[in-house]
PDB file of N, CA and C in Angstrom:
ATOM      1  N   MET A   1     -36.198 -27.089   7.798  1.00  0.00           N
ATOM      2  CA  MET A   1     -35.082 -27.595   7.210  1.00  0.00           C
ATOM      3  C   MET A   1     -34.286 -26.539   6.284  1.00  0.00           C
ATOM      4  N   LYS A   2     -35.375 -25.863   5.456  1.00  0.00           N
ATOM      5  CA  LYS A   2     -34.853 -24.866   4.295  1.00  0.00           C
ATOM      6  C   LYS A   2     -34.413 -23.744   4.993  1.00  0.00           C
ATOM      7  N   PHE A   3     -34.929 -23.323   6.348  1.00  0.00           N
ATOM      8  CA  PHE A   3     -34.436 -22.196   6.905  1.00  0.00           C
ATOM      9  C   PHE A   3     -32.909 -22.416   7.482  1.00  0.00           C
ATOM     10  N   GLN A   4     -32.686 -23.549   7.988  1.00  0.00           N
ATOM     11  CA  GLN A   4     -31.334 -23.857   8.519  1.00  0.00           C
ATOM     12  C   GLN A   4     -30.294 -23.818   7.312  1.00  0.00           C
ATOM     13  N   ALA A   5     -30.723 -24.313   6.168  1.00  0.00           N
ATOM     14  CA  ALA A   5     -29.735 -24.500   5.243  1.00  0.00           C
ATOM     15  C   ALA A   5     -29.456 -22.971   4.563  1.00  0.00           C
ATOM     16  N   LEU A   6     -30.559 -22.329   4.496  1.00  0.00           N
ATOM     17  CA  LEU A   6     -30.282 -20.716   4.135  1.00  0.00           C
ATOM     18  C   LEU A   6     -29.582 -20.013   4.929  1.00  0.00           C
ATOM     19  N   PHE A   7     -29.715 -20.317   6.314  1.00  0.00           N
ATOM     20  CA  PHE A   7     -28.994 -19.577   7.286  1.00  0.00           C
ATOM     21  C   PHE A   7     -27.539 -19.987   7.161  1.00  0.00           C
ATOM     22  N   PHE A   8     -27.326 -21.243   7.107  1.00  0.00           N
ATOM     23  CA  PHE A   8     -25.895 -21.739   6.915  1.00  0.00           C
ATOM     24  C   PHE A   8     -25.159 -21.179   5.616  1.00  0.00           C
ATOM     25  N   LEU A   9     -25.814 -21.241   4.563  1.00  0.00           N
ATOM     26  CA  LEU A   9     -25.395 -20.573   3.462  1.00  0.00           C
ATOM     27  C   LEU A   9     -24.999 -19.096   3.632  1.00  0.00           C
ATOM     28  N   LEU A  10     -25.942 -18.171   4.314  1.00  0.00           N
ATOM     29  CA  LEU A  10     -25.808 -16.948   4.647  1.00  0.00           C
ATOM     30  C   LEU A  10     -24.531 -16.736   5.355  1.00  0.00           C
ATOM     31  N   LEU A  11     -24.115 -17.663   6.435  1.00  0.00           N
ATOM     32  CA  LEU A  11     -23.162 -17.458   7.395  1.00  0.00           C
ATOM     33  C   LEU A  11     -21.854 -17.781   6.521  1.00  0.00           C
ATOM     34  N   LEU A  12     -21.964 -18.699   5.605  1.00  0.00           N
ATOM     35  CA  LEU A  12     -20.659 -19.155   4.856  1.00  0.00           C
ATOM     36  C   LEU A  12     -20.251 -17.894   4.040  1.00  0.00           C
ATOM     37  N   THR A  13     -21.382 -17.349   3.322  1.00  0.00           N
ATOM     38  CA  THR A  13     -21.129 -16.137   2.575  1.00  0.00           C
ATOM     39  C   THR A  13     -20.549 -14.982   3.028  1.00  0.00           C
ATOM     40  N   CYS A  14     -21.098 -14.730   4.365  1.00  0.00           N
ATOM     41  CA  CYS A  14     -20.467 -13.568   5.269  1.00  0.00           C
ATOM     42  C   CYS A  14     -19.041 -13.900   5.633  1.00  0.00           C
ATOM     43  N   MET A  15     -18.652 -15.195   5.848  1.00  0.00           N
ATOM     44  CA  MET A  15     -17.219 -15.382   6.211  1.00  0.00           C
ATOM     45  C   MET A  15     -16.389 -15.271   5.285  1.00  0.00           C
ATOM     46  N   TYR A  16     -16.771 -15.602   3.930  1.00  0.00           N
ATOM     47  CA  TYR A  16     -16.076 -15.670   2.746  1.00  0.00           C
ATOM     48  C   TYR A  16     -15.841 -14.260   2.584  1.00  0.00           C
ATOM     49  N   LEU A  17     -16.824 -13.311   2.472  1.00  0.00           N
ATOM     50  CA  LEU A  17     -16.549 -11.780   2.295  1.00  0.00           C
ATOM     51  C   LEU A  17     -15.750 -11.250   3.255  1.00  0.00           C
ATOM     52  N   SER A  18     -15.571 -11.559   4.510  1.00  0.00           N
ATOM     53  CA  SER A  18     -14.931 -10.918   5.397  1.00  0.00           C
ATOM     54  C   SER A  18     -13.373 -11.348   5.272  1.00  0.00           C
ATOM     55  N   LEU A  19     -13.077 -12.462   4.683  1.00  0.00           N
ATOM     56  CA  LEU A  19     -11.838 -12.916   4.461  1.00  0.00           C
ATOM     57  C   LEU A  19     -11.237 -12.345   3.225  1.00  0.00           C
ATOM     58  N   ALA A  20     -12.257 -12.268   2.073  1.00  0.00           N
ATOM     59  CA  ALA A  20     -11.655 -11.396   0.988  1.00  0.00           C
ATOM     60  C   ALA A  20     -11.338  -9.934   1.237  1.00  0.00           C
ATOM     61  N   GLN A  21     -12.162  -9.289   2.140  1.00  0.00           N
ATOM     62  CA  GLN A  21     -11.760  -7.941   2.562  1.00  0.00           C
ATOM     63  C   GLN A  21     -10.450  -7.852   3.068  1.00  0.00           C
ATOM     64  N   GLY A  22     -10.068  -8.888   3.839  1.00  0.00           N
ATOM     65  CA  GLY A  22      -8.828  -8.587   4.630  1.00  0.00           C
ATOM     66  C   GLY A  22      -7.624  -9.105   3.952  1.00  0.00           C
ATOM     67  N   SER A  23      -7.820  -9.479   2.504  1.00  0.00           N
ATOM     68  CA  SER A  23      -6.667  -9.818   1.906  1.00  0.00           C
ATOM     69  C   SER A  23      -5.859  -8.694   1.242  1.00  0.00           C
ATOM     70  N   TYR A  24      -6.719  -7.544   1.144  1.00  0.00           N
ATOM     71  CA  TYR A  24      -6.077  -6.199   0.652  1.00  0.00           C
ATOM     72  C   TYR A  24      -5.276  -5.407   1.714  1.00  0.00           C
ATOM     73  N   GLY A  25      -5.068  -5.924   2.797  1.00  0.00           N
ATOM     74  CA  GLY A  25      -4.482  -5.184   3.994  1.00  0.00           C
ATOM     75  C   GLY A  25      -3.230  -4.511   3.601  1.00  0.00           C
ATOM     76  N   ASN A  26      -2.359  -4.911   2.906  1.00  0.00           N
ATOM     77  CA  ASN A  26      -1.138  -4.375   2.587  1.00  0.00           C
ATOM     78  C   ASN A  26      -0.983  -3.847   0.968  1.00  0.00           C
ATOM     79  N   CYS A  27      -2.034  -3.682   0.401  1.00  0.00           N
ATOM     80  CA  CYS A  27      -2.169  -3.533  -1.143  1.00  0.00           C
ATOM     81  C   CYS A  27      -2.688  -1.890  -1.207  1.00  0.00           C
ATOM     82  N   CYS A  28      -1.941  -1.363  -2.199  1.00  0.00           N
ATOM     83  CA  CYS A  28      -2.221   0.026  -2.643  1.00  0.00           C
ATOM     84  C   CYS A  28      -3.634  -0.142  -3.543  1.00  0.00           C
ATOM     85  N   LEU A  29      -4.604   0.595  -3.209  1.00  0.00           N
ATOM     86  CA  LEU A  29      -5.856   0.575  -3.978  1.00  0.00           C
ATOM     87  C   LEU A  29      -5.944   1.885  -4.853  1.00  0.00           C
ATOM     88  N   GLY A  30      -5.132   2.784  -4.953  1.00  0.00           N
ATOM     89  CA  GLY A  30      -5.118   3.947  -5.447  1.00  0.00           C
ATOM     90  C   GLY A  30      -3.505   4.445  -5.615  1.00  0.00           C
ATOM     91  N   HIS A  31      -3.448   5.592  -6.490  1.00  0.00           N
ATOM     92  CA  HIS A  31      -2.229   6.474  -6.514  1.00  0.00           C
ATOM     93  C   HIS A  31      -2.328   7.812  -6.149  1.00  0.00           C
ATOM     94  N   VAL A  32      -1.521   8.531  -5.524  1.00  0.00           N
ATOM     95  CA  VAL A  32      -1.442   9.809  -5.404  1.00  0.00           C
ATOM     96  C   VAL A  32      -0.906  10.350  -6.678  1.00  0.00           C
ATOM     97  N   ARG A  33      -1.400  11.643  -7.192  1.00  0.00           N
ATOM     98  CA  ARG A  33      -1.014  12.316  -8.370  1.00  0.00           C
ATOM     99  C   ARG A  33       0.308  12.974  -8.312  1.00  0.00           C
ATOM    100  N   TRP A  34       0.478  13.587  -6.958  1.00  0.00           N
ATOM    101  CA  TRP A  34       1.772  14.325  -6.995  1.00  0.00           C
ATOM    102  C   TRP A  34       2.038  14.500  -5.217  1.00  0.00           C
ATOM    103  N   MET A  35       3.165  14.949  -5.076  1.00  0.00           N
ATOM    104  CA  MET A  35       3.598  15.041  -3.577  1.00  0.00           C
ATOM    105  C   MET A  35       4.273  16.172  -3.302  1.00  0.00           C
ATOM    106  N   LYS A  36       3.825  17.011  -2.233  1.00  0.00           N
ATOM    107  CA  LYS A  36       4.740  18.311  -1.979  1.00  0.00           C
ATOM    108  C   LYS A  36       6.194  17.945  -1.639  1.00  0.00           C
ATOM    109  N   SER A  37       7.011  18.870  -1.687  1.00  0.00           N
ATOM    110  CA  SER A  37       8.417  18.808  -1.426  1.00  0.00           C
ATOM    111  C   SER A  37       8.726  18.488   0.101  1.00  0.00           C
ATOM    112  N   GLY A  38       7.988  18.848   0.824  1.00  0.00           N
ATOM    113  CA  GLY A  38       8.038  18.477   2.340  1.00  0.00           C
ATOM    114  C   GLY A  38       7.986  16.955   2.597  1.00  0.00           C
ATOM    115  N   PRO A  39       6.830  16.417   2.069  1.00  0.00           N
ATOM    116  CA  PRO A  39       6.753  14.949   2.350  1.00  0.00           C
ATOM    117  C   PRO A  39       7.815  14.301   1.475  1.00  0.00           C
ATOM    118  N   LYS A  40       8.320  14.696   0.466  1.00  0.00           N
ATOM    119  CA  LYS A  40       9.064  14.080  -0.364  1.00  0.00           C
ATOM    120  C   LYS A  40      10.538  13.911   0.532  1.00  0.00           C
ATOM    121  N   LYS A  41      10.857  14.750   1.276  1.00  0.00           N
ATOM    122  CA  LYS A  41      12.009  14.591   2.175  1.00  0.00           C
ATOM    123  C   LYS A  41      11.853  13.675   3.276  1.00  0.00           C
ATOM    124  N   SER A  42      10.597  13.376   3.491  1.00  0.00           N
ATOM    125  CA  SER A  42      10.430  12.618   4.751  1.00  0.00           C
ATOM    126  C   SER A  42      10.304  11.022   4.196  1.00  0.00           C
ATOM    127  N   VAL A  43      10.490  10.702   2.854  1.00  0.00           N
ATOM    128  CA  VAL A  43      10.432   9.421   2.532  1.00  0.00           C
ATOM    129  C   VAL A  43      11.700   8.721   2.949  1.00  0.00           C
ATOM    130  N   GLU A  44      11.534   7.552   3.499  1.00  0.00           N
ATOM    131  CA  GLU A  44      12.883   6.998   4.203  1.00  0.00           C
ATOM    132  C   GLU A  44      13.025   5.697   3.230  1.00  0.00           C
ATOM    133  N   SER A  45      12.248   5.123   2.537  1.00  0.00           N
ATOM    134  CA  SER A  45      12.522   4.190   1.738  1.00  0.00           C
ATOM    135  C   SER A  45      11.243   3.588   0.689  1.00  0.00           C
ATOM    136  N   TYR A  46      11.328   2.794  -0.078  1.00  0.00           N
ATOM    137  CA  TYR A  46       9.940   2.418  -0.887  1.00  0.00           C
ATOM    138  C   TYR A  46      10.242   1.040  -1.208  1.00  0.00           C
ATOM    139  N   ARG A  47       9.149   0.520  -1.833  1.00  0.00           N
ATOM    140  CA  ARG A  47       9.121  -0.973  -2.303  1.00  0.00           C
ATOM    141  C   ARG A  47       8.206  -0.919  -3.366  1.00  0.00           C
ATOM    142  N   MET A  48       8.263  -1.861  -4.200  1.00  0.00           N
ATOM    143  CA  MET A  48       7.356  -2.014  -5.386  1.00  0.00           C
ATOM    144  C   MET A  48       6.253  -2.949  -5.047  1.00  0.00           C
ATOM    145  N   GLN A  49       5.214  -2.723  -5.567  1.00  0.00           N
ATOM    146  CA  GLN A  49       4.005  -3.670  -5.336  1.00  0.00           C
ATOM    147  C   GLN A  49       3.736  -3.896  -6.860  1.00  0.00           C
ATOM    148  N   GLU A  50       3.684  -5.347  -7.058  1.00  0.00           N
ATOM    149  CA  GLU A  50       3.458  -5.962  -8.219  1.00  0.00           C
ATOM    150  C   GLU A  50       1.898  -6.490  -8.398  1.00  0.00           C
ATOM    151  N   THR A  51       1.497  -6.873  -9.524  1.00  0.00           N
ATOM    152  CA  THR A  51       0.175  -7.387  -9.582  1.00  0.00           C
ATOM    153  C   THR A  51      -0.141  -8.883  -9.357  1.00  0.00           C
ATOM    154  N   ASP A  52       0.852  -9.373  -8.581  1.00  0.00           N
ATOM    155  CA  ASP A  52       0.827 -10.808  -8.183  1.00  0.00           C
ATOM    156  C   ASP A  52       0.123 -10.997  -6.945  1.00  0.00           C
ATOM    157  N   GLY A  53      -0.340 -12.206  -6.618  1.00  0.00           N
ATOM    158  CA  GLY A  53      -0.942 -12.481  -5.308  1.00  0.00           C
ATOM    159  C   GLY A  53      -2.387 -11.665  -5.054  1.00  0.00           C
ATOM    160  N   ASP A  54      -2.363 -11.042  -4.020  1.00  0.00           N
ATOM    161  CA  ASP A  54      -3.388 -10.357  -3.641  1.00  0.00           C
ATOM    162  C   ASP A  54      -3.773  -8.883  -4.193  1.00  0.00           C
ATOM    163  N   CYS A  55      -2.537  -8.209  -4.541  1.00  0.00           N
ATOM    164  CA  CYS A  55      -2.622  -6.950  -5.101  1.00  0.00           C
ATOM    165  C   CYS A  55      -3.083  -6.955  -6.541  1.00  0.00           C
ATOM    166  N   ASN A  56      -3.737  -6.045  -6.896  1.00  0.00           N
ATOM    167  CA  ASN A  56      -4.251  -5.924  -8.519  1.00  0.00           C
ATOM    168  C   ASN A  56      -3.761  -4.681  -9.368  1.00  0.00           C
ATOM    169  N   MET A  57      -2.902  -4.083  -8.672  1.00  0.00           N
ATOM    170  CA  MET A  57      -2.151  -2.801  -9.335  1.00  0.00           C
ATOM    171  C   MET A  57      -0.819  -2.633  -9.037  1.00  0.00           C
ATOM    172  N   ARG A  58       0.076  -2.304 -10.010  1.00  0.00           N
ATOM    173  CA  ARG A  58       1.373  -1.856  -9.935  1.00  0.00           C
ATOM    174  C   ARG A  58       1.590  -0.476  -9.037  1.00  0.00           C
ATOM    175  N   ALA A  59       2.424  -0.373  -8.187  1.00  0.00           N
ATOM    176  CA  ALA A  59       2.474   0.855  -7.423  1.00  0.00           C
ATOM    177  C   ALA A  59       3.781   0.795  -6.815  1.00  0.00           C
ATOM    178  N   VAL A  60       4.506   2.089  -6.361  1.00  0.00           N
ATOM    179  CA  VAL A  60       5.601   2.234  -5.715  1.00  0.00           C
ATOM    180  C   VAL A  60       5.154   2.708  -4.249  1.00  0.00           C
ATOM    181  N   VAL A  61       5.469   2.005  -3.289  1.00  0.00           N
ATOM    182  CA  VAL A  61       4.906   2.252  -1.909  1.00  0.00           C
ATOM    183  C   VAL A  61       6.054   2.910  -1.256  1.00  0.00           C
ATOM    184  N   PHE A  62       5.990   4.218  -1.002  1.00  0.00           N
ATOM    185  CA  PHE A  62       6.983   5.136  -0.217  1.00  0.00           C
ATOM    186  C   PHE A  62       6.547   4.907   1.256  1.00  0.00           C
ATOM    187  N   LEU A  63       7.659   4.597   1.957  1.00  0.00           N
ATOM    188  CA  LEU A  63       7.554   4.554   3.424  1.00  0.00           C
ATOM    189  C   LEU A  63       8.117   5.824   4.100  1.00  0.00           C
ATOM    190  N   MET A  64       7.250   6.469   4.902  1.00  0.00           N
ATOM    191  CA  MET A  64       7.590   7.724   5.431  1.00  0.00           C
ATOM    192  C   MET A  64       8.306   7.607   6.763  1.00  0.00           C
ATOM    193  N   LYS A  65       9.201   8.427   7.102  1.00  0.00           N
ATOM    194  CA  LYS A  65       9.816   8.345   8.443  1.00  0.00           C
ATOM    195  C   LYS A  65       8.852   8.231   9.651  1.00  0.00           C
ATOM    196  N   MET A  66       9.036   7.345  10.559  1.00  0.00           N
ATOM    197  CA  MET A  66       8.096   7.420  11.671  1.00  0.00           C
ATOM    198  C   MET A  66       7.999   8.721  12.550  1.00  0.00           C
ATOM    199  N   ARG A  67       6.991   9.089  12.973  1.00  0.00           N
ATOM    200  CA  ARG A  67       6.955  10.204  13.939  1.00  0.00           C
ATOM    201  C   ARG A  67       6.253   9.627  15.305  1.00  0.00           C
ATOM    202  N   PRO A  68       6.805  10.113  16.440  1.00  0.00           N
ATOM    203  CA  PRO A  68       6.340   9.550  17.443  1.00  0.00           C
ATOM    204  C   PRO A  68       4.888   9.565  17.828  1.00  0.00           C
ATOM    205  N   GLN A  69       4.116  10.482  17.329  1.00  0.00           N
ATOM    206  CA  GLN A  69       2.704  10.338  17.426  1.00  0.00           C
ATOM    207  C   GLN A  69       1.994   9.395  16.639  1.00  0.00           C
ATOM    208  N   HIS A  70       2.521   8.697  15.702  1.00  0.00           N
ATOM    209  CA  HIS A  70       2.132   7.785  14.884  1.00  0.00           C
ATOM    210  C   HIS A  70       2.450   6.298  15.207  1.00  0.00           C
ATOM    211  N   LYS A  71       1.411   5.497  15.335  1.00  0.00           N
ATOM    212  CA  LYS A  71       1.686   4.095  15.769  1.00  0.00           C
ATOM    213  C   LYS A  71       2.196   3.193  14.674  1.00  0.00           C
ATOM    214  N   LYS A  72       1.742   3.578  13.499  1.00  0.00           N
ATOM    215  CA  LYS A  72       2.068   2.808  12.347  1.00  0.00           C
ATOM    216  C   LYS A  72       2.988   3.497  11.296  1.00  0.00           C
ATOM    217  N   GLN A  73       3.714   2.985  10.551  1.00  0.00           N
ATOM    218  CA  GLN A  73       4.475   3.731   9.627  1.00  0.00           C
ATOM    219  C   GLN A  73       3.627   4.209   8.458  1.00  0.00           C
ATOM    220  N   ARG A  74       3.659   5.327   8.141  1.00  0.00           N
ATOM    221  CA  ARG A  74       2.778   5.806   7.099  1.00  0.00           C
ATOM    222  C   ARG A  74       3.306   5.482   5.632  1.00  0.00           C
ATOM    223  N   THR A  75       2.350   5.233   4.672  1.00  0.00           N
ATOM    224  CA  THR A  75       2.802   4.932   3.469  1.00  0.00           C
ATOM    225  C   THR A  75       1.965   5.575   2.419  1.00  0.00           C
ATOM    226  N   ILE A  76       2.669   6.117   1.261  1.00  0.00           N
ATOM    227  CA  ILE A  76       1.942   6.774   0.099  1.00  0.00           C
ATOM    228  C   ILE A  76       2.205   5.781  -1.160  1.00  0.00           C
ATOM    229  N   CYS A  77       1.292   5.755  -1.821  1.00  0.00           N
ATOM    230  CA  CYS A  77       1.160   4.805  -3.045  1.00  0.00           C
ATOM    231  C   CYS A  77       1.218   5.739  -4.271  1.00  0.00           C
ATOM    232  N   ALA A  78       1.948   5.434  -5.324  1.00  0.00           N
ATOM    233  CA  ALA A  78       2.282   6.211  -6.362  1.00  0.00           C
ATOM    234  C   ALA A  78       2.576   5.371  -7.713  1.00  0.00           C
ATOM    235  N   ASN A  79       2.181   6.026  -8.722  1.00  0.00           N
ATOM    236  CA  ASN A  79       2.373   5.395 -10.025  1.00  0.00           C
ATOM    237  C   ASN A  79       3.744   5.134 -10.596  1.00  0.00           C
ATOM    238  N   PRO A  80       4.359   3.953 -10.669  1.00  0.00           N
ATOM    239  CA  PRO A  80       5.547   3.719 -11.133  1.00  0.00           C
ATOM    240  C   PRO A  80       6.043   4.279 -12.511  1.00  0.00           C
ATOM    241  N   ASN A  81       5.010   4.640 -13.137  1.00  0.00           N
ATOM    242  CA  ASN A  81       5.275   5.091 -14.566  1.00  0.00           C
ATOM    243  C   ASN A  81       5.412   6.618 -14.571  1.00  0.00           C
ATOM    244  N   GLU A  82       5.113   7.284 -13.379  1.00  0.00           N
ATOM    245  CA  GLU A  82       5.208   8.886 -13.401  1.00  0.00           C
ATOM    246  C   GLU A  82       6.718   9.178 -13.435  1.00  0.00           C
ATOM    247  N   ASP A  83       7.033  10.281 -13.949  1.00  0.00           N
ATOM    248  CA  ASP A  83       8.563  10.790 -13.903  1.00  0.00           C
ATOM    249  C   ASP A  83       8.746  11.314 -12.595  1.00  0.00           C
ATOM    250  N   TRP A  84       7.927  11.961 -11.840  1.00  0.00           N
ATOM    251  CA  TRP A  84       8.406  12.438 -10.605  1.00  0.00           C
ATOM    252  C   TRP A  84       8.572  11.278  -9.452  1.00  0.00           C
ATOM    253  N   VAL A  85       7.776  10.224  -9.728  1.00  0.00           N
ATOM    254  CA  VAL A  85       7.916   9.135  -8.921  1.00  0.00           C
ATOM    255  C   VAL A  85       9.431   8.296  -9.082  1.00  0.00           C
ATOM    256  N   GLN A  86       9.896   8.235 -10.479  1.00  0.00           N
ATOM    257  CA  GLN A  86      10.902   7.736 -10.749  1.00  0.00           C
ATOM    258  C   GLN A  86      12.116   8.485 -10.178  1.00  0.00           C
ATOM    259  N   ASP A  87      12.077   9.934 -10.270  1.00  0.00           N
ATOM    260  CA  ASP A  87      13.098  10.884  -9.709  1.00  0.00           C
ATOM    261  C   ASP A  87      13.199  10.766  -8.218  1.00  0.00           C
ATOM    262  N   LEU A  88      12.040  10.470  -7.490  1.00  0.00           N
ATOM    263  CA  LEU A  88      12.058  10.288  -6.178  1.00  0.00           C
ATOM    264  C   LEU A  88      12.861   8.998  -5.623  1.00  0.00           C
ATOM    265  N   MET A  89      12.364   8.076  -6.519  1.00  0.00           N
ATOM    266  CA  MET A  89      13.053   6.681  -6.157  1.00  0.00           C
ATOM    267  C   MET A  89      14.622   6.896  -6.375  1.00  0.00           C
ATOM    268  N   VAL A  90      15.102   7.564  -7.261  1.00  0.00           N
ATOM    269  CA  VAL A  90      16.637   7.743  -7.536  1.00  0.00           C
ATOM    270  C   VAL A  90      17.105   8.631  -6.293  1.00  0.00           C
ATOM    271  N   ASN A  91      16.244   9.684  -5.898  1.00  0.00           N
ATOM    272  CA  ASN A  91      16.617  10.449  -4.830  1.00  0.00           C
ATOM    273  C   ASN A  91      16.910   9.547  -3.395  1.00  0.00           C
ATOM    274  N   VAL A  92      15.731   8.983  -3.147  1.00  0.00           N
ATOM    275  CA  VAL A  92      15.953   8.167  -1.968  1.00  0.00           C
ATOM    276  C   VAL A  92      17.010   7.018  -2.070  1.00  0.00           C
ATOM    277  N   ASP A  93      17.277   6.389  -3.274  1.00  0.00           N
ATOM    278  CA  ASP A  93      18.450   5.722  -3.446  1.00  0.00           C
ATOM    279  C   ASP A  93      19.847   6.267  -3.071  1.00  0.00           C
ATOM    280  N   ARG A  94      19.844   7.520  -3.518  1.00  0.00           N
ATOM    281  CA  ARG A  94      21.115   8.284  -3.316  1.00  0.00           C
ATOM    282  C   ARG A  94      21.325   8.634  -1.751  1.00  0.00           C
ATOM    283  N   ARG A  95      20.229   9.087  -1.256  1.00  0.00           N
ATOM    284  CA  ARG A  95      20.202   9.308   0.250  1.00  0.00           C
ATOM    285  C   ARG A  95      20.604   8.329   1.037  1.00  0.00           C
ATOM    286  N   ASN A  96      20.052   7.060   0.768  1.00  0.00           N
ATOM    287  CA  ASN A  96      20.387   5.857   1.444  1.00  0.00           C
ATOM    288  C   ASN A  96      21.607   5.482   1.260  1.00  0.00           C
ATOM    289  N   GLN A  97      22.258   5.645   0.117  1.00  0.00           N
ATOM    290  CA  GLN A  97      23.831   5.246  -0.238  1.00  0.00           C
ATOM    291  C   GLN A  97      24.601   6.125   0.721  1.00  0.00           C
ATOM    292  N   LYS A  98      24.407   7.329   0.655  1.00  0.00           N
ATOM    293  CA  LYS A  98      25.258   8.318   1.530  1.00  0.00           C
ATOM    294  C   LYS A  98      25.315   7.849   2.970  1.00  0.00           C
ATOM    295  N   GLN A  99      24.096   7.443   3.600  1.00  0.00           N
ATOM    296  CA  GLN A  99      24.084   7.007   4.927  1.00  0.00           C
ATOM    297  C   GLN A  99      24.837   5.756   5.226  1.00  0.00           C
ATOM    298  N   ASN A 100      25.154   4.865   4.329  1.00  0.00           N
ATOM    299  CA  ASN A 100      25.664   3.687   4.481  1.00  0.00           C
ATOM    300  C   ASN A 100      27.239   3.745   4.353  1.00  0.00           C
TER     301      ASN A 100
END
């Protein structure tokens, strides 16, 4: 009986841990320190990640232009307090306004 209870508890713990790991799927877990000028030109848009819900750090998530060889859109996470990040956000906004 003790073995069955222990096995059941172990099973529930494993299920809980697997669900907890899946909750960070769309969250930034770190920031890049800088970005070369080439990739900066490939930034298509950005979104802000706040510390609510599942994500535990503020970040600017830059969405890169899709390339045919990539199946998913590439993202780069940066610190919103950095000057180069704020400048890049302004440049992306200007670029997108010119296109509209």
